[in-house]
Amino acid sequence: GVALTETVATHHSSATMPDPFALSSSEPTRPLSDLAPQSLFMVLFVRAVTEANSSHWGLNLHQDADRGGTKYQANNSTGTWITDHGTTKGATESDILIGLIRIADVDLAERSRLQR
């Protein structure tokens, strides 16, 4: 089932909105090895520090420290909202990360349902 089991919070700021799941040039504030394997996280990023209530969120299905996870988000960088899904090892390393909230454990047999 879905249960709030872990909250991982940190605070960073940035004036622009790069790919929030991109790897940072700085040391990670929390290494991927600290995240529970096969867990689904809601990920919250700051969009712009100059605008009130400006944030971006996505989901990250964390596999493990070696493989990272799969990001699920939508963006309108082209002026049209499009889905942006793919593998990432940068969920905990973004300079604009505000926090991660573990919202579920995902059975390996059910992973394909997230791809729909």
PDB file of N, CA and C in Angstrom:
ATOM      1  N   GLY A   1       0.795  -1.171   0.000  1.00  0.00           N
ATOM      2  CA  GLY A   1       0.000   0.000   0.000  1.00  0.00           C
ATOM      3  C   GLY A   1       0.850   1.252   0.000  1.00  0.00           C
ATOM      4  N   VAL A   2       0.203   2.355  -0.079  1.00  0.00           N
ATOM      5  CA  VAL A   2       0.875   3.640  -0.077  1.00  0.00           C
ATOM      6  C   VAL A   2       0.855   4.189   1.339  1.00  0.00           C
ATOM      7  N   ALA A   3       2.021   4.490   1.842  1.00  0.00           N
ATOM      8  CA  ALA A   3       2.126   5.057   3.183  1.00  0.00           C
ATOM      9  C   ALA A   3       3.292   6.014   3.222  1.00  0.00           C
ATOM     10  N   LEU A   4       3.129   7.090   3.947  1.00  0.00           N
ATOM     11  CA  LEU A   4       4.225   8.030   4.127  1.00  0.00           C
ATOM     12  C   LEU A   4       5.193   7.396   5.102  1.00  0.00           C
ATOM     13  N   THR A   5       6.333   6.953   4.579  1.00  0.00           N
ATOM     14  CA  THR A   5       7.261   6.221   5.430  1.00  0.00           C
ATOM     15  C   THR A   5       8.569   6.947   5.659  1.00  0.00           C
ATOM     16  N   GLU A   6       8.878   7.929   4.832  1.00  0.00           N
ATOM     17  CA  GLU A   6      10.159   8.606   4.993  1.00  0.00           C
ATOM     18  C   GLU A   6      10.067   9.980   4.353  1.00  0.00           C
ATOM     19  N   THR A   7      10.586  10.976   5.012  1.00  0.00           N
ATOM     20  CA  THR A   7      10.714  12.296   4.432  1.00  0.00           C
ATOM     21  C   THR A   7      12.182  12.661   4.443  1.00  0.00           C
ATOM     22  N   VAL A   8      12.679  13.044   3.283  1.00  0.00           N
ATOM     23  CA  VAL A   8      14.059  13.458   3.143  1.00  0.00           C
ATOM     24  C   VAL A   8      14.008  14.890   2.664  1.00  0.00           C
ATOM     25  N   ALA A   9      14.476  15.820   3.456  1.00  0.00           N
ATOM     26  CA  ALA A   9      14.350  17.225   3.072  1.00  0.00           C
ATOM     27  C   ALA A   9      15.699  17.904   3.042  1.00  0.00           C
ATOM     28  N   THR A  10      15.825  18.799   2.113  1.00  0.00           N
ATOM     29  CA  THR A  10      17.003  19.632   1.988  1.00  0.00           C
ATOM     30  C   THR A  10      16.539  20.919   1.326  1.00  0.00           C
ATOM     31  N   HIS A  11      17.373  21.936   1.278  1.00  0.00           N
ATOM     32  CA  HIS A  11      16.966  23.189   0.659  1.00  0.00           C
ATOM     33  C   HIS A  11      18.109  23.735  -0.184  1.00  0.00           C
ATOM     34  N   HIS A  12      17.802  24.031  -1.417  1.00  0.00           N
ATOM     35  CA  HIS A  12      18.734  24.663  -2.349  1.00  0.00           C
ATOM     36  C   HIS A  12      17.973  25.750  -3.078  1.00  0.00           C
ATOM     37  N   SER A  13      18.681  26.653  -3.705  1.00  0.00           N
ATOM     38  CA  SER A  13      17.984  27.669  -4.489  1.00  0.00           C
ATOM     39  C   SER A  13      18.722  27.927  -5.788  1.00  0.00           C
ATOM     40  N   SER A  14      17.988  28.421  -6.761  1.00  0.00           N
ATOM     41  CA  SER A  14      18.542  28.726  -8.071  1.00  0.00           C
ATOM     42  C   SER A  14      17.634  29.745  -8.746  1.00  0.00           C
ATOM     43  N   ALA A  15      18.188  30.600  -9.546  1.00  0.00           N
ATOM     44  CA  ALA A  15      17.397  31.625 -10.222  1.00  0.00           C
ATOM     45  C   ALA A  15      16.759  31.095 -11.502  1.00  0.00           C
ATOM     46  N   THR A  16      17.240  29.980 -12.056  1.00  0.00           N
ATOM     47  CA  THR A  16      16.690  29.427 -13.280  1.00  0.00           C
ATOM     48  C   THR A  16      16.254  27.994 -13.044  1.00  0.00           C
ATOM     49  N   MET A  17      15.561  27.422 -14.016  1.00  0.00           N
ATOM     50  CA  MET A  17      15.034  26.073 -13.872  1.00  0.00           C
ATOM     51  C   MET A  17      15.703  25.118 -14.844  1.00  0.00           C
ATOM     52  N   PRO A  18      16.870  24.566 -14.493  1.00  0.00           N
ATOM     53  CA  PRO A  18      17.478  23.546 -15.334  1.00  0.00           C
ATOM     54  C   PRO A  18      16.745  22.228 -15.151  1.00  0.00           C
ATOM     55  N   ASP A  19      17.174  21.171 -15.822  1.00  0.00           N
ATOM     56  CA  ASP A  19      16.573  19.852 -15.614  1.00  0.00           C
ATOM     57  C   ASP A  19      16.736  19.491 -14.145  1.00  0.00           C
ATOM     58  N   PRO A  20      15.646  19.387 -13.407  1.00  0.00           N
ATOM     59  CA  PRO A  20      15.760  19.175 -11.970  1.00  0.00           C
ATOM     60  C   PRO A  20      16.396  17.845 -11.595  1.00  0.00           C
ATOM     61  N   PHE A  21      16.348  16.865 -12.476  1.00  0.00           N
ATOM     62  CA  PHE A  21      16.915  15.562 -12.164  1.00  0.00           C
ATOM     63  C   PHE A  21      18.370  15.431 -12.635  1.00  0.00           C
ATOM     64  N   ALA A  22      18.943  16.502 -13.159  1.00  0.00           N
ATOM     65  CA  ALA A  22      20.314  16.450 -13.664  1.00  0.00           C
ATOM     66  C   ALA A  22      21.306  16.336 -12.517  1.00  0.00           C
ATOM     67  N   LEU A  23      22.432  15.701 -12.809  1.00  0.00           N
ATOM     68  CA  LEU A  23      23.483  15.581 -11.807  1.00  0.00           C
ATOM     69  C   LEU A  23      24.076  16.942 -11.502  1.00  0.00           C
ATOM     70  N   SER A  24      24.384  17.171 -10.254  1.00  0.00           N
ATOM     71  CA  SER A  24      24.976  18.423  -9.802  1.00  0.00           C
ATOM     72  C   SER A  24      26.485  18.305  -9.837  1.00  0.00           C
ATOM     73  N   SER A  25      27.148  19.438  -9.894  1.00  0.00           N
ATOM     74  CA  SER A  25      28.611  19.439  -9.849  1.00  0.00           C
ATOM     75  C   SER A  25      29.115  19.376  -8.417  1.00  0.00           C
ATOM     76  N   SER A  26      28.231  19.571  -7.442  1.00  0.00           N
ATOM     77  CA  SER A  26      28.640  19.533  -6.044  1.00  0.00           C
ATOM     78  C   SER A  26      28.412  18.145  -5.454  1.00  0.00           C
ATOM     79  N   GLU A  27      28.917  17.935  -4.262  1.00  0.00           N
ATOM     80  CA  GLU A  27      28.719  16.672  -3.565  1.00  0.00           C
ATOM     81  C   GLU A  27      27.232  16.491  -3.260  1.00  0.00           C
ATOM     82  N   PRO A  28      26.707  15.274  -3.389  1.00  0.00           N
ATOM     83  CA  PRO A  28      25.296  15.067  -3.075  1.00  0.00           C
ATOM     84  C   PRO A  28      25.021  15.335  -1.604  1.00  0.00           C
ATOM     85  N   THR A  29      23.861  15.954  -1.325  1.00  0.00           N
ATOM     86  CA  THR A  29      23.486  16.205   0.056  1.00  0.00           C
ATOM     87  C   THR A  29      23.016  14.923   0.721  1.00  0.00           C
ATOM     88  N   ARG A  30      22.557  13.996  -0.062  1.00  0.00           N
ATOM     89  CA  ARG A  30      22.146  12.693   0.445  1.00  0.00           C
ATOM     90  C   ARG A  30      22.411  11.675  -0.656  1.00  0.00           C
ATOM     91  N   PRO A  31      23.331  10.744  -0.438  1.00  0.00           N
ATOM     92  CA  PRO A  31      23.662   9.784  -1.498  1.00  0.00           C
ATOM     93  C   PRO A  31      22.500   8.851  -1.810  1.00  0.00           C
ATOM     94  N   LEU A  32      22.483   8.334  -3.043  1.00  0.00           N
ATOM     95  CA  LEU A  32      21.430   7.413  -3.456  1.00  0.00           C
ATOM     96  C   LEU A  32      21.372   6.179  -2.560  1.00  0.00           C
ATOM     97  N   SER A  33      22.498   5.797  -1.977  1.00  0.00           N
ATOM     98  CA  SER A  33      22.517   4.612  -1.113  1.00  0.00           C
ATOM     99  C   SER A  33      21.679   4.800   0.154  1.00  0.00           C
ATOM    100  N   ASP A  34      21.341   6.048   0.500  1.00  0.00           N
ATOM    101  CA  ASP A  34      20.494   6.315   1.670  1.00  0.00           C
ATOM    102  C   ASP A  34      19.013   6.122   1.380  1.00  0.00           C
ATOM    103  N   LEU A  35      18.639   6.025   0.097  1.00  0.00           N
ATOM    104  CA  LEU A  35      17.231   5.870  -0.264  1.00  0.00           C
ATOM    105  C   LEU A  35      16.851   4.393  -0.300  1.00  0.00           C
ATOM    106  N   ALA A  36      15.647   4.086   0.148  1.00  0.00           N
ATOM    107  CA  ALA A  36      15.160   2.706   0.163  1.00  0.00           C
ATOM    108  C   ALA A  36      14.970   2.198  -1.261  1.00  0.00           C
ATOM    109  N   PRO A  37      15.554   1.042  -1.595  1.00  0.00           N
ATOM    110  CA  PRO A  37      15.374   0.474  -2.943  1.00  0.00           C
ATOM    111  C   PRO A  37      13.910   0.163  -3.228  1.00  0.00           C
ATOM    112  N   GLN A  38      13.551   0.229  -4.509  1.00  0.00           N
ATOM    113  CA  GLN A  38      12.205  -0.068  -4.996  1.00  0.00           C
ATOM    114  C   GLN A  38      11.139   0.785  -4.311  1.00  0.00           C
ATOM    115  N   SER A  39      11.473   2.070  -4.093  1.00  0.00           N
ATOM    116  CA  SER A  39      10.538   3.003  -3.466  1.00  0.00           C
ATOM    117  C   SER A  39      10.186   4.120  -4.432  1.00  0.00           C
ATOM    118  N   LEU A  40       8.955   4.598  -4.331  1.00  0.00           N
ATOM    119  CA  LEU A  40       8.487   5.710  -5.144  1.00  0.00           C
ATOM    120  C   LEU A  40       8.540   6.973  -4.294  1.00  0.00           C
ATOM    121  N   PHE A  41       9.196   8.004  -4.817  1.00  0.00           N
ATOM    122  CA  PHE A  41       9.362   9.271  -4.114  1.00  0.00           C
ATOM    123  C   PHE A  41       8.693  10.393  -4.885  1.00  0.00           C
ATOM    124  N   MET A  42       8.034  11.295  -4.186  1.00  0.00           N
ATOM    125  CA  MET A  42       7.622  12.571  -4.760  1.00  0.00           C
ATOM    126  C   MET A  42       8.817  13.492  -4.558  1.00  0.00           C
ATOM    127  N   VAL A  43       9.230  14.177  -5.609  1.00  0.00           N
ATOM    128  CA  VAL A  43      10.405  15.024  -5.571  1.00  0.00           C
ATOM    129  C   VAL A  43       9.964  16.460  -5.829  1.00  0.00           C
ATOM    130  N   LEU A  44      10.393  17.384  -4.977  1.00  0.00           N
ATOM    131  CA  LEU A  44       9.993  18.784  -5.093  1.00  0.00           C
ATOM    132  C   LEU A  44      11.225  19.642  -5.334  1.00  0.00           C
ATOM    133  N   PHE A  45      11.128  20.511  -6.337  1.00  0.00           N
ATOM    134  CA  PHE A  45      12.224  21.400  -6.723  1.00  0.00           C
ATOM    135  C   PHE A  45      11.738  22.841  -6.695  1.00  0.00           C
ATOM    136  N   VAL A  46      12.638  23.782  -6.424  1.00  0.00           N
ATOM    137  CA  VAL A  46      12.324  25.199  -6.541  1.00  0.00           C
ATOM    138  C   VAL A  46      12.451  25.564  -8.020  1.00  0.00           C
ATOM    139  N   ARG A  47      11.511  26.322  -8.533  1.00  0.00           N
ATOM    140  CA  ARG A  47      11.550  26.712  -9.946  1.00  0.00           C
ATOM    141  C   ARG A  47      12.296  28.036 -10.114  1.00  0.00           C
ATOM    142  N   ALA A  48      11.974  29.004  -9.286  1.00  0.00           N
ATOM    143  CA  ALA A  48      12.641  30.307  -9.342  1.00  0.00           C
ATOM    144  C   ALA A  48      12.557  30.936  -7.958  1.00  0.00           C
ATOM    145  N   VAL A  49      13.667  31.433  -7.468  1.00  0.00           N
ATOM    146  CA  VAL A  49      13.664  32.012  -6.127  1.00  0.00           C
ATOM    147  C   VAL A  49      13.020  33.385  -6.099  1.00  0.00           C
ATOM    148  N   THR A  50      12.827  33.994  -7.249  1.00  0.00           N
ATOM    149  CA  THR A  50      12.245  35.335  -7.302  1.00  0.00           C
ATOM    150  C   THR A  50      10.727  35.326  -7.362  1.00  0.00           C
ATOM    151  N   GLU A  51      10.106  34.145  -7.547  1.00  0.00           N
ATOM    152  CA  GLU A  51       8.658  34.056  -7.644  1.00  0.00           C
ATOM    153  C   GLU A  51       8.114  33.281  -6.450  1.00  0.00           C
ATOM    154  N   ALA A  52       7.080  33.830  -5.818  1.00  0.00           N
ATOM    155  CA  ALA A  52       6.435  33.132  -4.709  1.00  0.00           C
ATOM    156  C   ALA A  52       5.731  31.881  -5.221  1.00  0.00           C
ATOM    157  N   ASN A  53       5.749  30.845  -4.436  1.00  0.00           N
ATOM    158  CA  ASN A  53       5.055  29.590  -4.750  1.00  0.00           C
ATOM    159  C   ASN A  53       5.455  29.011  -6.104  1.00  0.00           C
ATOM    160  N   SER A  54       6.711  29.133  -6.452  1.00  0.00           N
ATOM    161  CA  SER A  54       7.183  28.629  -7.733  1.00  0.00           C
ATOM    162  C   SER A  54       7.971  27.341  -7.508  1.00  0.00           C
ATOM    163  N   SER A  55       7.318  26.224  -7.802  1.00  0.00           N
ATOM    164  CA  SER A  55       7.981  24.947  -7.599  1.00  0.00           C
ATOM    165  C   SER A  55       7.657  24.000  -8.745  1.00  0.00           C
ATOM    166  N   HIS A  56       8.377  22.913  -8.786  1.00  0.00           N
ATOM    167  CA  HIS A  56       8.189  21.867  -9.792  1.00  0.00           C
ATOM    168  C   HIS A  56       8.251  20.547  -9.049  1.00  0.00           C
ATOM    169  N   TRP A  57       7.393  19.616  -9.419  1.00  0.00           N
ATOM    170  CA  TRP A  57       7.444  18.322  -8.759  1.00  0.00           C
ATOM    171  C   TRP A  57       7.428  17.217  -9.797  1.00  0.00           C
ATOM    172  N   GLY A  58       7.915  16.087  -9.389  1.00  0.00           N
ATOM    173  CA  GLY A  58       7.912  14.898 -10.226  1.00  0.00           C
ATOM    174  C   GLY A  58       7.930  13.678  -9.321  1.00  0.00           C
ATOM    175  N   LEU A  59       7.958  12.537  -9.943  1.00  0.00           N
ATOM    176  CA  LEU A  59       8.067  11.284  -9.207  1.00  0.00           C
ATOM    177  C   LEU A  59       9.370  10.613  -9.590  1.00  0.00           C
ATOM    178  N   ASN A  60       9.949   9.890  -8.650  1.00  0.00           N
ATOM    179  CA  ASN A  60      11.168   9.139  -8.907  1.00  0.00           C
ATOM    180  C   ASN A  60      10.996   7.740  -8.323  1.00  0.00           C
ATOM    181  N   LEU A  61      11.070   6.740  -9.200  1.00  0.00           N
ATOM    182  CA  LEU A  61      11.049   5.352  -8.756  1.00  0.00           C
ATOM    183  C   LEU A  61      12.496   4.925  -8.583  1.00  0.00           C
ATOM    184  N   HIS A  62      12.934   4.879  -7.335  1.00  0.00           N
ATOM    185  CA  HIS A  62      14.329   4.555  -7.031  1.00  0.00           C
ATOM    186  C   HIS A  62      14.532   3.048  -7.079  1.00  0.00           C
ATOM    187  N   GLN A  63      15.501   2.611  -7.906  1.00  0.00           N
ATOM    188  CA  GLN A  63      15.813   1.182  -7.980  1.00  0.00           C
ATOM    189  C   GLN A  63      16.826   0.815  -6.901  1.00  0.00           C
ATOM    190  N   ASP A  64      18.026   1.367  -7.015  1.00  0.00           N
ATOM    191  CA  ASP A  64      19.075   1.147  -6.023  1.00  0.00           C
ATOM    192  C   ASP A  64      20.198   2.146  -6.281  1.00  0.00           C
ATOM    193  N   ALA A  65      21.229   2.126  -5.439  1.00  0.00           N
ATOM    194  CA  ALA A  65      22.310   3.122  -5.542  1.00  0.00           C
ATOM    195  C   ALA A  65      23.100   2.992  -6.837  1.00  0.00           C
ATOM    196  N   ASP A  66      23.247   1.788  -7.371  1.00  0.00           N
ATOM    197  CA  ASP A  66      24.028   1.597  -8.595  1.00  0.00           C
ATOM    198  C   ASP A  66      23.275   2.018  -9.849  1.00  0.00           C
ATOM    199  N   ARG A  67      21.983   1.729  -9.920  1.00  0.00           N
ATOM    200  CA  ARG A  67      21.199   2.035 -11.122  1.00  0.00           C
ATOM    201  C   ARG A  67      20.452   3.357 -11.055  1.00  0.00           C
ATOM    202  N   GLY A  68      20.324   3.928  -9.875  1.00  0.00           N
ATOM    203  CA  GLY A  68      19.543   5.161  -9.752  1.00  0.00           C
ATOM    204  C   GLY A  68      18.070   4.858  -9.837  1.00  0.00           C
ATOM    205  N   GLY A  69      17.350   5.613 -10.656  1.00  0.00           N
ATOM    206  CA  GLY A  69      15.911   5.408 -10.747  1.00  0.00           C
ATOM    207  C   GLY A  69      15.341   5.907 -12.056  1.00  0.00           C
ATOM    208  N   THR A  70      14.023   5.958 -12.092  1.00  0.00           N
ATOM    209  CA  THR A  70      13.299   6.458 -13.254  1.00  0.00           C
ATOM    210  C   THR A  70      12.529   7.690 -12.835  1.00  0.00           C
ATOM    211  N   LYS A  71      12.699   8.773 -13.589  1.00  0.00           N
ATOM    212  CA  LYS A  71      11.974  10.021 -13.295  1.00  0.00           C
ATOM    213  C   LYS A  71      10.693  10.053 -14.117  1.00  0.00           C
ATOM    214  N   TYR A  72       9.652  10.605 -13.512  1.00  0.00           N
ATOM    215  CA  TYR A  72       8.359  10.804 -14.168  1.00  0.00           C
ATOM    216  C   TYR A  72       7.963  12.246 -13.895  1.00  0.00           C
ATOM    217  N   GLN A  73       7.906  13.053 -14.955  1.00  0.00           N
ATOM    218  CA  GLN A  73       7.543  14.445 -14.790  1.00  0.00           C
ATOM    219  C   GLN A  73       6.955  14.968 -16.094  1.00  0.00           C
ATOM    220  N   ALA A  74       6.414  16.159 -16.034  1.00  0.00           N
ATOM    221  CA  ALA A  74       5.944  16.873 -17.221  1.00  0.00           C
ATOM    222  C   ALA A  74       6.591  18.244 -17.204  1.00  0.00           C
ATOM    223  N   ASN A  75       6.918  18.752 -18.370  1.00  0.00           N
ATOM    224  CA  ASN A  75       7.475  20.106 -18.428  1.00  0.00           C
ATOM    225  C   ASN A  75       6.928  20.830 -19.644  1.00  0.00           C
ATOM    226  N   ASN A  76       7.045  22.140 -19.607  1.00  0.00           N
ATOM    227  CA  ASN A  76       6.589  22.949 -20.749  1.00  0.00           C
ATOM    228  C   ASN A  76       7.726  23.802 -21.282  1.00  0.00           C
ATOM    229  N   SER A  77       8.923  23.237 -21.346  1.00  0.00           N
ATOM    230  CA  SER A  77      10.076  23.987 -21.827  1.00  0.00           C
ATOM    231  C   SER A  77       9.937  24.397 -23.294  1.00  0.00           C
ATOM    232  N   THR A  78       9.076  23.731 -24.044  1.00  0.00           N
ATOM    233  CA  THR A  78       8.852  24.078 -25.449  1.00  0.00           C
ATOM    234  C   THR A  78       7.590  24.912 -25.638  1.00  0.00           C
ATOM    235  N   GLY A  79       6.902  25.247 -24.530  1.00  0.00           N
ATOM    236  CA  GLY A  79       5.653  25.984 -24.618  1.00  0.00           C
ATOM    237  C   GLY A  79       4.435  25.081 -24.633  1.00  0.00           C
ATOM    238  N   THR A  80       4.654  23.783 -24.752  1.00  0.00           N
ATOM    239  CA  THR A  80       3.598  22.782 -24.718  1.00  0.00           C
ATOM    240  C   THR A  80       3.959  21.752 -23.654  1.00  0.00           C
ATOM    241  N   TRP A  81       2.997  21.364 -22.837  1.00  0.00           N
ATOM    242  CA  TRP A  81       3.270  20.371 -21.799  1.00  0.00           C
ATOM    243  C   TRP A  81       3.521  19.012 -22.426  1.00  0.00           C
ATOM    244  N   ILE A  82       4.660  18.419 -22.092  1.00  0.00           N
ATOM    245  CA  ILE A  82       5.020  17.087 -22.575  1.00  0.00           C
ATOM    246  C   ILE A  82       5.540  16.256 -21.403  1.00  0.00           C
ATOM    247  N   THR A  83       5.394  14.946 -21.520  1.00  0.00           N
ATOM    248  CA  THR A  83       5.943  14.074 -20.489  1.00  0.00           C
ATOM    249  C   THR A  83       7.445  13.954 -20.683  1.00  0.00           C
ATOM    250  N   ASP A  84       8.137  13.790 -19.600  1.00  0.00           N
ATOM    251  CA  ASP A  84       9.600  13.659 -19.616  1.00  0.00           C
ATOM    252  C   ASP A  84       9.946  12.548 -18.638  1.00  0.00           C
ATOM    253  N   HIS A  85      10.060  11.343 -19.159  1.00  0.00           N
ATOM    254  CA  HIS A  85      10.384  10.190 -18.333  1.00  0.00           C
ATOM    255  C   HIS A  85      11.737   9.655 -18.781  1.00  0.00           C
ATOM    256  N   GLY A  86      12.489   9.105 -17.868  1.00  0.00           N
ATOM    257  CA  GLY A  86      13.767   8.512 -18.214  1.00  0.00           C
ATOM    258  C   GLY A  86      14.570   8.139 -16.984  1.00  0.00           C
ATOM    259  N   THR A  87      15.685   7.504 -17.211  1.00  0.00           N
ATOM    260  CA  THR A  87      16.529   7.090 -16.098  1.00  0.00           C
ATOM    261  C   THR A  87      17.335   8.268 -15.570  1.00  0.00           C
ATOM    262  N   THR A  88      17.645   8.216 -14.287  1.00  0.00           N
ATOM    263  CA  THR A  88      18.429   9.276 -13.662  1.00  0.00           C
ATOM    264  C   THR A  88      19.171   8.742 -12.447  1.00  0.00           C
ATOM    265  N   LYS A  89      20.323   9.309 -12.205  1.00  0.00           N
ATOM    266  CA  LYS A  89      21.047   9.072 -10.957  1.00  0.00           C
ATOM    267  C   LYS A  89      21.166  10.374 -10.182  1.00  0.00           C
ATOM    268  N   GLY A  90      20.453  11.416 -10.634  1.00  0.00           N
ATOM    269  CA  GLY A  90      20.593  12.738 -10.051  1.00  0.00           C
ATOM    270  C   GLY A  90      19.473  13.193  -9.136  1.00  0.00           C
ATOM    271  N   ALA A  91      18.595  12.293  -8.709  1.00  0.00           N
ATOM    272  CA  ALA A  91      17.442  12.717  -7.909  1.00  0.00           C
ATOM    273  C   ALA A  91      17.833  13.394  -6.608  1.00  0.00           C
ATOM    274  N   THR A  92      18.930  13.003  -6.013  1.00  0.00           N
ATOM    275  CA  THR A  92      19.339  13.612  -4.738  1.00  0.00           C
ATOM    276  C   THR A  92      20.428  14.660  -4.906  1.00  0.00           C
ATOM    277  N   GLU A  93      20.876  14.892  -6.139  1.00  0.00           N
ATOM    278  CA  GLU A  93      22.015  15.765  -6.356  1.00  0.00           C
ATOM    279  C   GLU A  93      21.685  17.111  -6.993  1.00  0.00           C
ATOM    280  N   SER A  94      20.445  17.357  -7.309  1.00  0.00           N
ATOM    281  CA  SER A  94      20.074  18.597  -7.966  1.00  0.00           C
ATOM    282  C   SER A  94      20.303  19.795  -7.048  1.00  0.00           C
ATOM    283  N   ASP A  95      20.830  20.869  -7.600  1.00  0.00           N
ATOM    284  CA  ASP A  95      21.042  22.099  -6.836  1.00  0.00           C
ATOM    285  C   ASP A  95      19.735  22.799  -6.480  1.00  0.00           C
ATOM    286  N   ILE A  96      18.633  22.408  -7.124  1.00  0.00           N
ATOM    287  CA  ILE A  96      17.353  23.054  -6.871  1.00  0.00           C
ATOM    288  C   ILE A  96      16.382  22.145  -6.110  1.00  0.00           C
ATOM    289  N   LEU A  97      16.894  21.052  -5.554  1.00  0.00           N
ATOM    290  CA  LEU A  97      16.075  20.124  -4.783  1.00  0.00           C
ATOM    291  C   LEU A  97      15.636  20.743  -3.462  1.00  0.00           C
ATOM    292  N   ILE A  98      14.351  20.664  -3.185  1.00  0.00           N
ATOM    293  CA  ILE A  98      13.814  21.097  -1.897  1.00  0.00           C
ATOM    294  C   ILE A  98      13.604  19.889  -1.002  1.00  0.00           C
ATOM    295  N   GLY A  99      13.059  18.808  -1.554  1.00  0.00           N
ATOM    296  CA  GLY A  99      12.832  17.640  -0.728  1.00  0.00           C
ATOM    297  C   GLY A  99      12.350  16.425  -1.486  1.00  0.00           C
ATOM    298  N   LEU A 100      12.464  15.285  -0.829  1.00  0.00           N
ATOM    299  CA  LEU A 100      11.979  13.998  -1.321  1.00  0.00           C
ATOM    300  C   LEU A 100      11.027  13.441  -0.273  1.00  0.00           C
ATOM    301  N   ILE A 101       9.919  12.882  -0.717  1.00  0.00           N
ATOM    302  CA  ILE A 101       9.001  12.238   0.207  1.00  0.00           C
ATOM    303  C   ILE A 101       8.733  10.830  -0.320  1.00  0.00           C
ATOM    304  N   ARG A 102       9.075   9.838   0.465  1.00  0.00           N
ATOM    305  CA  ARG A 102       8.828   8.450   0.080  1.00  0.00           C
ATOM    306  C   ARG A 102       7.344   8.182   0.264  1.00  0.00           C
ATOM    307  N   ILE A 103       6.670   7.837  -0.845  1.00  0.00           N
ATOM    308  CA  ILE A 103       5.223   7.662  -0.783  1.00  0.00           C
ATOM    309  C   ILE A 103       4.774   6.215  -0.953  1.00  0.00           C
ATOM    310  N   ALA A 104       5.645   5.329  -1.437  1.00  0.00           N
ATOM    311  CA  ALA A 104       5.222   3.942  -1.625  1.00  0.00           C
ATOM    312  C   ALA A 104       6.422   3.036  -1.855  1.00  0.00           C
ATOM    313  N   ASP A 105       6.227   1.785  -1.545  1.00  0.00           N
ATOM    314  CA  ASP A 105       7.139   0.718  -1.961  1.00  0.00           C
ATOM    315  C   ASP A 105       6.505   0.093  -3.190  1.00  0.00           C
ATOM    316  N   VAL A 106       7.305  -0.234  -4.203  1.00  0.00           N
ATOM    317  CA  VAL A 106       6.764  -0.753  -5.451  1.00  0.00           C
ATOM    318  C   VAL A 106       7.275  -2.164  -5.678  1.00  0.00           C
ATOM    319  N   ASP A 107       6.342  -3.099  -5.808  1.00  0.00           N
ATOM    320  CA  ASP A 107       6.665  -4.485  -6.114  1.00  0.00           C
ATOM    321  C   ASP A 107       7.253  -4.527  -7.531  1.00  0.00           C
ATOM    322  N   LEU A 108       8.325  -5.267  -7.718  1.00  0.00           N
ATOM    323  CA  LEU A 108       8.951  -5.357  -9.037  1.00  0.00           C
ATOM    324  C   LEU A 108       7.979  -5.802 -10.111  1.00  0.00           C
ATOM    325  N   ALA A 109       7.035  -6.666  -9.776  1.00  0.00           N
ATOM    326  CA  ALA A 109       6.049  -7.146 -10.747  1.00  0.00           C
ATOM    327  C   ALA A 109       5.097  -6.033 -11.198  1.00  0.00           C
ATOM    328  N   GLU A 110       4.960  -4.969 -10.416  1.00  0.00           N
ATOM    329  CA  GLU A 110       4.034  -3.887 -10.720  1.00  0.00           C
ATOM    330  C   GLU A 110       4.697  -2.678 -11.387  1.00  0.00           C
ATOM    331  N   ARG A 111       6.007  -2.718 -11.585  1.00  0.00           N
ATOM    332  CA  ARG A 111       6.729  -1.567 -12.159  1.00  0.00           C
ATOM    333  C   ARG A 111       6.177  -1.144 -13.511  1.00  0.00           C
ATOM    334  N   SER A 112       5.789  -2.091 -14.325  1.00  0.00           N
ATOM    335  CA  SER A 112       5.317  -1.766 -15.685  1.00  0.00           C
ATOM    336  C   SER A 112       4.061  -0.889 -15.651  1.00  0.00           C
ATOM    337  N   ARG A 113       3.274  -0.965 -14.590  1.00  0.00           N
ATOM    338  CA  ARG A 113       2.071  -0.141 -14.493  1.00  0.00           C
ATOM    339  C   ARG A 113       2.421   1.342 -14.422  1.00  0.00           C
ATOM    340  N   LEU A 114       3.585   1.685 -13.890  1.00  0.00           N
ATOM    341  CA  LEU A 114       4.008   3.082 -13.821  1.00  0.00           C
ATOM    342  C   LEU A 114       4.385   3.630 -15.192  1.00  0.00           C
ATOM    343  N   GLN A 115       4.726   2.759 -16.124  1.00  0.00           N
ATOM    344  CA  GLN A 115       5.140   3.204 -17.451  1.00  0.00           C
ATOM    345  C   GLN A 115       3.971   3.619 -18.331  1.00  0.00           C
ATOM    346  N   ARG A 116       2.765   3.320 -17.916  1.00  0.00           N
ATOM    347  CA  ARG A 116       1.571   3.617 -18.747  1.00  0.00           C
ATOM    348  C   ARG A 116       1.217   5.062 -18.714  1.00  0.00           C
TER     349      ARG A 116
END
